[in-house]
N, C-alpha and C. Protein backbone atom coordinates (compact mmCIF):
# COMPACT_ATOMS: atom_id res chain seq x y z
N UNK A 1 258.11 225.62 114.03
CA UNK A 1 258.14 224.84 112.82
C UNK A 1 258.35 225.79 111.67
N UNK A 2 258.90 225.29 110.61
CA UNK A 2 259.15 226.11 109.44
C UNK A 2 258.92 225.29 108.19
N UNK A 3 258.22 225.90 107.24
CA UNK A 3 258.06 225.27 105.95
C UNK A 3 259.40 225.29 105.24
N UNK A 4 259.72 224.26 104.49
CA UNK A 4 261.01 224.19 103.82
C UNK A 4 261.18 225.25 102.76
N UNK A 5 260.08 225.81 102.23
CA UNK A 5 260.18 226.85 101.23
C UNK A 5 260.43 228.21 101.86
N UNK A 6 260.21 228.34 103.17
CA UNK A 6 260.31 229.61 103.86
C UNK A 6 261.75 230.09 103.93
N UNK A 7 261.93 231.37 103.74
CA UNK A 7 263.23 232.00 103.94
C UNK A 7 262.95 233.36 104.54
N UNK A 8 262.70 233.39 105.84
CA UNK A 8 262.15 234.58 106.46
C UNK A 8 263.17 235.47 107.15
N UNK A 9 264.46 235.12 107.12
CA UNK A 9 265.49 235.98 107.70
C UNK A 9 266.49 236.34 106.63
N UNK A 10 267.11 237.48 106.78
CA UNK A 10 268.21 237.82 105.89
C UNK A 10 269.50 237.52 106.60
N UNK A 11 270.49 237.07 105.89
CA UNK A 11 271.78 236.75 106.51
C UNK A 11 271.71 235.42 107.20
N UNK A 12 272.33 235.33 108.36
CA UNK A 12 272.35 234.07 109.10
C UNK A 12 273.74 233.52 109.11
N UNK A 13 274.11 232.86 110.18
CA UNK A 13 275.46 232.33 110.33
C UNK A 13 275.60 230.97 109.71
N UNK A 14 276.84 230.59 109.51
CA UNK A 14 277.09 229.27 108.96
C UNK A 14 277.75 228.36 109.98
N UNK A 15 278.08 228.85 111.13
CA UNK A 15 278.69 228.04 112.19
C UNK A 15 277.61 227.65 113.19
N UNK A 16 277.83 226.53 113.89
CA UNK A 16 276.85 226.02 114.84
C UNK A 16 276.58 227.01 115.96
N UNK A 17 277.52 227.87 116.28
CA UNK A 17 277.33 228.80 117.39
C UNK A 17 276.81 230.15 116.94
N UNK A 18 276.53 230.34 115.66
CA UNK A 18 276.04 231.61 115.15
C UNK A 18 274.64 231.87 115.66
N UNK A 19 274.33 233.16 115.87
CA UNK A 19 272.98 233.50 116.27
C UNK A 19 272.54 234.73 115.51
N UNK A 20 271.23 234.88 115.39
CA UNK A 20 270.62 235.98 114.67
C UNK A 20 269.53 236.54 115.55
N UNK A 21 269.50 237.84 115.72
CA UNK A 21 268.45 238.49 116.50
C UNK A 21 267.34 238.91 115.55
N UNK A 22 266.10 238.54 115.85
CA UNK A 22 264.94 239.00 115.08
C UNK A 22 263.88 239.42 116.06
N UNK A 23 263.68 240.73 116.21
CA UNK A 23 262.72 241.21 117.19
C UNK A 23 263.16 240.80 118.58
N UNK A 24 262.25 240.23 119.36
CA UNK A 24 262.56 239.81 120.72
C UNK A 24 263.20 238.43 120.77
N UNK A 25 263.11 237.69 119.67
CA UNK A 25 263.62 236.32 119.67
C UNK A 25 265.06 236.28 119.17
N UNK A 26 265.84 235.39 119.76
CA UNK A 26 267.21 235.16 119.32
C UNK A 26 267.27 233.75 118.74
N UNK A 27 267.70 233.65 117.50
CA UNK A 27 267.79 232.37 116.82
C UNK A 27 269.24 231.94 116.72
N UNK A 28 269.50 230.68 116.97
CA UNK A 28 270.84 230.11 116.82
C UNK A 28 270.81 229.05 115.72
N UNK A 29 271.92 228.93 115.01
CA UNK A 29 272.01 227.91 113.97
C UNK A 29 272.09 226.55 114.63
N UNK A 30 271.15 225.68 114.26
CA UNK A 30 271.12 224.33 114.82
C UNK A 30 271.88 223.35 113.94
N UNK A 31 271.70 223.48 112.62
CA UNK A 31 272.33 222.55 111.67
C UNK A 31 272.05 223.06 110.27
N UNK A 32 272.57 222.33 109.31
CA UNK A 32 272.27 222.62 107.91
C UNK A 32 271.02 221.83 107.52
N UNK A 33 270.17 222.44 106.73
CA UNK A 33 268.98 221.77 106.25
C UNK A 33 269.35 220.50 105.49
N UNK A 34 270.45 220.56 104.76
CA UNK A 34 270.89 219.41 103.97
C UNK A 34 271.33 218.23 104.85
N UNK A 35 271.59 218.47 106.14
CA UNK A 35 271.96 217.39 107.07
C UNK A 35 270.75 216.60 107.54
N UNK A 36 269.56 217.17 107.41
CA UNK A 36 268.36 216.54 107.94
C UNK A 36 267.75 215.56 106.95
N UNK A 37 267.61 214.32 107.39
CA UNK A 37 266.90 213.32 106.60
C UNK A 37 265.45 213.31 107.05
N UNK A 38 264.54 213.15 106.12
CA UNK A 38 263.13 213.12 106.45
C UNK A 38 262.84 212.01 107.47
N UNK A 39 262.25 212.39 108.60
CA UNK A 39 261.86 211.42 109.62
C UNK A 39 262.98 210.94 110.52
N UNK A 40 264.16 211.55 110.42
CA UNK A 40 265.29 211.14 111.27
C UNK A 40 265.67 212.30 112.20
N UNK A 41 265.39 212.18 113.49
CA UNK A 41 265.72 213.27 114.43
C UNK A 41 267.22 213.56 114.46
N UNK A 42 267.54 214.82 114.62
CA UNK A 42 268.93 215.27 114.70
C UNK A 42 269.09 216.01 116.03
N UNK A 43 269.95 215.51 116.92
CA UNK A 43 270.12 216.12 118.25
C UNK A 43 271.17 217.21 118.20
N UNK A 44 270.83 218.37 118.79
CA UNK A 44 271.77 219.48 118.95
C UNK A 44 271.60 220.03 120.36
N UNK A 45 272.57 220.83 120.78
CA UNK A 45 272.44 221.54 122.05
C UNK A 45 272.62 223.02 121.75
N UNK A 46 271.64 223.82 122.14
CA UNK A 46 271.66 225.26 121.88
C UNK A 46 271.54 226.00 123.21
N UNK A 47 272.57 226.71 123.58
CA UNK A 47 272.55 227.44 124.85
C UNK A 47 272.31 226.53 126.03
N UNK A 48 272.83 225.31 125.97
CA UNK A 48 272.67 224.36 127.06
C UNK A 48 271.35 223.61 127.03
N UNK A 49 270.52 223.86 126.02
CA UNK A 49 269.22 223.20 125.90
C UNK A 49 269.31 222.08 124.86
N UNK A 50 269.00 220.84 125.23
CA UNK A 50 269.00 219.76 124.25
C UNK A 50 267.76 219.86 123.36
N UNK A 51 267.99 219.82 122.05
CA UNK A 51 266.91 220.01 121.08
C UNK A 51 266.97 218.91 120.03
N UNK A 52 265.82 218.35 119.70
CA UNK A 52 265.70 217.42 118.58
C UNK A 52 265.13 218.22 117.40
N UNK A 53 265.89 218.29 116.32
CA UNK A 53 265.44 218.96 115.10
C UNK A 53 264.98 217.85 114.15
N UNK A 54 263.75 218.00 113.64
CA UNK A 54 263.15 216.94 112.85
C UNK A 54 262.56 217.52 111.56
N UNK A 55 262.89 216.85 110.45
CA UNK A 55 262.28 217.18 109.16
C UNK A 55 261.19 216.13 108.92
N UNK A 56 259.94 216.61 108.81
CA UNK A 56 258.81 215.70 108.62
C UNK A 56 257.69 216.41 107.88
N UNK A 57 257.07 215.70 106.96
CA UNK A 57 255.92 216.22 106.22
C UNK A 57 256.17 217.59 105.60
N UNK A 58 257.37 217.80 105.04
CA UNK A 58 257.67 219.04 104.36
C UNK A 58 257.96 220.22 105.26
N UNK A 59 258.15 219.98 106.55
CA UNK A 59 258.42 221.05 107.50
C UNK A 59 259.59 220.64 108.39
N UNK A 60 260.15 221.64 109.10
CA UNK A 60 261.20 221.38 110.07
C UNK A 60 260.68 221.80 111.44
N UNK A 61 260.84 220.92 112.41
CA UNK A 61 260.36 221.15 113.77
C UNK A 61 261.53 221.11 114.74
N UNK A 62 261.39 221.82 115.87
CA UNK A 62 262.37 221.75 116.95
C UNK A 62 261.61 221.51 118.24
N UNK A 63 261.98 220.45 118.94
CA UNK A 63 261.30 220.05 120.17
C UNK A 63 262.36 219.73 121.21
N UNK A 64 262.07 220.02 122.47
CA UNK A 64 263.01 219.68 123.53
C UNK A 64 263.32 218.19 123.46
N UNK A 65 264.58 217.84 123.59
CA UNK A 65 265.01 216.46 123.36
C UNK A 65 264.83 215.54 124.56
N UNK A 66 264.24 216.03 125.63
CA UNK A 66 264.09 215.20 126.83
C UNK A 66 262.62 214.85 127.06
N UNK A 67 262.32 213.55 127.15
CA UNK A 67 260.96 213.09 127.42
C UNK A 67 260.51 213.60 128.79
N UNK A 68 259.29 214.09 128.86
CA UNK A 68 258.76 214.62 130.12
C UNK A 68 258.42 213.52 131.12
N UNK A 69 258.41 212.28 130.68
CA UNK A 69 258.09 211.16 131.57
C UNK A 69 259.32 210.49 132.14
N UNK A 70 260.36 210.27 131.30
CA UNK A 70 261.45 209.41 131.76
C UNK A 70 262.85 209.99 131.59
N UNK A 71 262.98 211.26 131.25
CA UNK A 71 264.28 211.91 131.16
C UNK A 71 265.25 211.19 130.22
N UNK A 72 264.75 210.77 129.05
CA UNK A 72 265.60 210.15 128.02
C UNK A 72 265.48 210.96 126.74
N UNK A 73 266.44 210.77 125.86
CA UNK A 73 266.53 211.54 124.62
C UNK A 73 265.44 211.12 123.62
N UNK A 74 264.60 212.08 123.21
CA UNK A 74 263.58 211.80 122.20
C UNK A 74 264.20 211.60 120.82
N UNK A 75 265.37 212.18 120.58
CA UNK A 75 265.98 212.06 119.26
C UNK A 75 266.44 210.64 118.95
N UNK A 76 266.42 209.77 119.95
CA UNK A 76 266.75 208.37 119.73
C UNK A 76 265.52 207.55 119.35
N UNK A 77 264.36 208.22 119.33
CA UNK A 77 263.11 207.53 119.01
C UNK A 77 262.73 207.63 117.55
N UNK A 78 261.59 207.06 117.23
CA UNK A 78 261.08 207.02 115.86
C UNK A 78 260.15 208.21 115.60
N UNK A 79 260.17 208.68 114.35
CA UNK A 79 259.26 209.74 113.91
C UNK A 79 258.25 209.13 112.96
N UNK A 80 256.97 209.44 113.20
CA UNK A 80 255.91 209.02 112.30
C UNK A 80 254.95 210.17 112.14
N UNK A 81 254.71 210.56 110.88
CA UNK A 81 253.89 211.72 110.57
C UNK A 81 254.46 212.92 111.33
N UNK A 82 253.69 213.55 112.19
CA UNK A 82 254.17 214.70 112.98
C UNK A 82 254.32 214.35 114.45
N UNK A 83 254.74 213.13 114.74
CA UNK A 83 254.97 212.73 116.13
C UNK A 83 256.36 212.11 116.27
N UNK A 84 256.87 212.20 117.49
CA UNK A 84 258.13 211.54 117.82
C UNK A 84 257.87 210.66 119.03
N UNK A 85 258.42 209.45 119.01
CA UNK A 85 258.16 208.48 120.05
C UNK A 85 259.37 208.35 120.97
N UNK A 86 259.12 208.33 122.27
CA UNK A 86 260.16 208.04 123.24
C UNK A 86 260.44 206.54 123.18
N UNK A 87 261.69 206.18 122.94
CA UNK A 87 262.05 204.77 122.75
C UNK A 87 261.91 203.94 124.01
N UNK A 88 261.94 204.56 125.19
CA UNK A 88 261.94 203.79 126.43
C UNK A 88 260.58 203.20 126.79
N UNK A 89 259.55 204.05 126.80
CA UNK A 89 258.22 203.58 127.22
C UNK A 89 257.16 203.76 126.15
N UNK A 90 257.52 204.32 125.00
CA UNK A 90 256.56 204.43 123.90
C UNK A 90 255.66 205.64 123.90
N UNK A 91 255.88 206.62 124.79
CA UNK A 91 255.09 207.85 124.73
C UNK A 91 255.37 208.56 123.41
N UNK A 92 254.34 209.16 122.82
CA UNK A 92 254.53 209.92 121.60
C UNK A 92 254.18 211.38 121.86
N UNK A 93 254.90 212.27 121.17
CA UNK A 93 254.71 213.71 121.34
C UNK A 93 254.49 214.34 119.98
N UNK A 94 253.54 215.28 119.90
CA UNK A 94 253.25 216.01 118.68
C UNK A 94 254.40 216.99 118.43
N UNK A 95 255.01 216.93 117.26
CA UNK A 95 256.13 217.81 116.95
C UNK A 95 255.70 219.27 116.85
N UNK A 96 254.42 219.53 116.57
CA UNK A 96 253.92 220.90 116.43
C UNK A 96 253.63 221.55 117.78
N UNK A 97 253.16 220.76 118.75
CA UNK A 97 252.71 221.33 120.02
C UNK A 97 253.47 220.83 121.23
N UNK A 98 254.15 219.70 121.11
CA UNK A 98 254.84 219.09 122.24
C UNK A 98 253.94 218.28 123.15
N UNK A 99 252.64 218.26 122.84
CA UNK A 99 251.70 217.53 123.69
C UNK A 99 251.84 216.03 123.50
N UNK A 100 251.78 215.29 124.61
CA UNK A 100 251.85 213.83 124.49
C UNK A 100 250.56 213.29 123.90
N UNK A 101 250.69 212.31 123.03
CA UNK A 101 249.50 211.69 122.45
C UNK A 101 249.41 210.22 122.83
N UNK A 102 250.28 209.80 123.71
CA UNK A 102 250.26 208.43 124.19
C UNK A 102 250.89 208.32 125.56
N UNK A 103 250.30 207.50 126.40
CA UNK A 103 250.83 207.28 127.74
C UNK A 103 252.15 206.52 127.65
N UNK A 104 252.99 206.59 128.67
CA UNK A 104 252.70 207.07 130.01
C UNK A 104 252.93 208.57 130.23
N UNK A 105 253.48 209.30 129.27
CA UNK A 105 253.70 210.74 129.46
C UNK A 105 252.36 211.47 129.51
N UNK A 106 252.27 212.43 130.41
CA UNK A 106 251.07 213.25 130.53
C UNK A 106 251.38 214.74 130.39
N UNK A 107 252.66 215.12 130.48
CA UNK A 107 253.07 216.52 130.38
C UNK A 107 253.72 216.78 129.02
N UNK A 108 253.42 217.93 128.41
CA UNK A 108 254.04 218.26 127.12
C UNK A 108 255.52 218.60 127.29
N UNK A 109 256.25 218.58 126.20
CA UNK A 109 257.63 219.05 126.17
C UNK A 109 257.65 220.33 125.33
N UNK A 110 258.56 221.24 125.62
CA UNK A 110 258.60 222.50 124.86
C UNK A 110 258.93 222.28 123.38
N UNK A 111 258.31 223.09 122.53
CA UNK A 111 258.66 223.16 121.12
C UNK A 111 259.15 224.58 120.85
N UNK A 112 260.00 224.73 119.84
CA UNK A 112 260.66 226.01 119.61
C UNK A 112 260.45 226.48 118.18
N UNK A 113 260.40 227.80 117.98
CA UNK A 113 260.26 228.35 116.63
C UNK A 113 261.48 228.03 115.77
N UNK A 114 261.24 227.79 114.49
CA UNK A 114 262.29 227.45 113.53
C UNK A 114 262.19 228.40 112.34
N UNK A 115 263.34 228.83 111.85
CA UNK A 115 263.41 229.62 110.62
C UNK A 115 264.47 228.99 109.74
N UNK A 116 264.21 228.98 108.43
CA UNK A 116 265.15 228.45 107.45
C UNK A 116 265.72 229.64 106.67
N UNK A 117 267.05 229.74 106.64
CA UNK A 117 267.72 230.78 105.87
C UNK A 117 268.75 230.09 104.98
N UNK A 118 268.45 230.02 103.70
CA UNK A 118 269.33 229.27 102.80
C UNK A 118 269.37 227.82 103.24
N UNK A 119 270.55 227.32 103.60
CA UNK A 119 270.70 225.94 104.07
C UNK A 119 270.80 225.87 105.59
N UNK A 120 270.64 227.01 106.29
CA UNK A 120 270.74 227.04 107.74
C UNK A 120 269.38 226.86 108.41
N UNK A 121 269.35 225.99 109.40
CA UNK A 121 268.17 225.82 110.24
C UNK A 121 268.44 226.57 111.52
N UNK A 122 267.63 227.60 111.78
CA UNK A 122 267.77 228.44 112.97
C UNK A 122 266.65 228.14 113.94
N UNK A 123 267.00 228.04 115.23
CA UNK A 123 266.02 227.70 116.26
C UNK A 123 266.15 228.72 117.39
N UNK A 124 265.01 229.14 117.94
CA UNK A 124 265.00 230.02 119.10
C UNK A 124 264.58 229.24 120.34
N UNK A 125 265.55 228.94 121.20
CA UNK A 125 265.20 228.24 122.44
C UNK A 125 264.80 229.22 123.53
N UNK A 126 264.89 230.53 123.25
CA UNK A 126 264.49 231.57 124.20
C UNK A 126 262.98 231.80 124.16
N UNK A 127 262.34 231.25 123.15
CA UNK A 127 260.92 231.51 122.94
C UNK A 127 260.25 230.22 122.52
N UNK A 128 259.30 229.77 123.34
CA UNK A 128 258.57 228.54 122.98
C UNK A 128 257.42 228.90 122.06
N UNK A 129 257.10 227.99 121.14
CA UNK A 129 255.97 228.21 120.21
C UNK A 129 254.66 227.98 120.93
């Protein structure tokens, strides 16, 4: 997750396939911050990993886009506060931890570190938060 005021990397790419190395983590550009509407999930694929990028409560989150219960896209669900709901069976997942907060899902989904550089939202799918 990243606070919208944060600008913790220098440089950064402007293309969807751009990546930035920071320490052991590799960050790829997921989208532009200006593309994200508050509470509206944005689906991207980074290195073959489906990711839902969500702007909520003044922060940006990145969570694996596949429900751990039913193998459907979480980015098609609703966001409320810091949770995202699977549209198929109603399981909800915490955007900060990936833990389910409602049945029928019992297993968490991965969440990924996010960095904001200018208008670029960078996500590291190589490192789970």
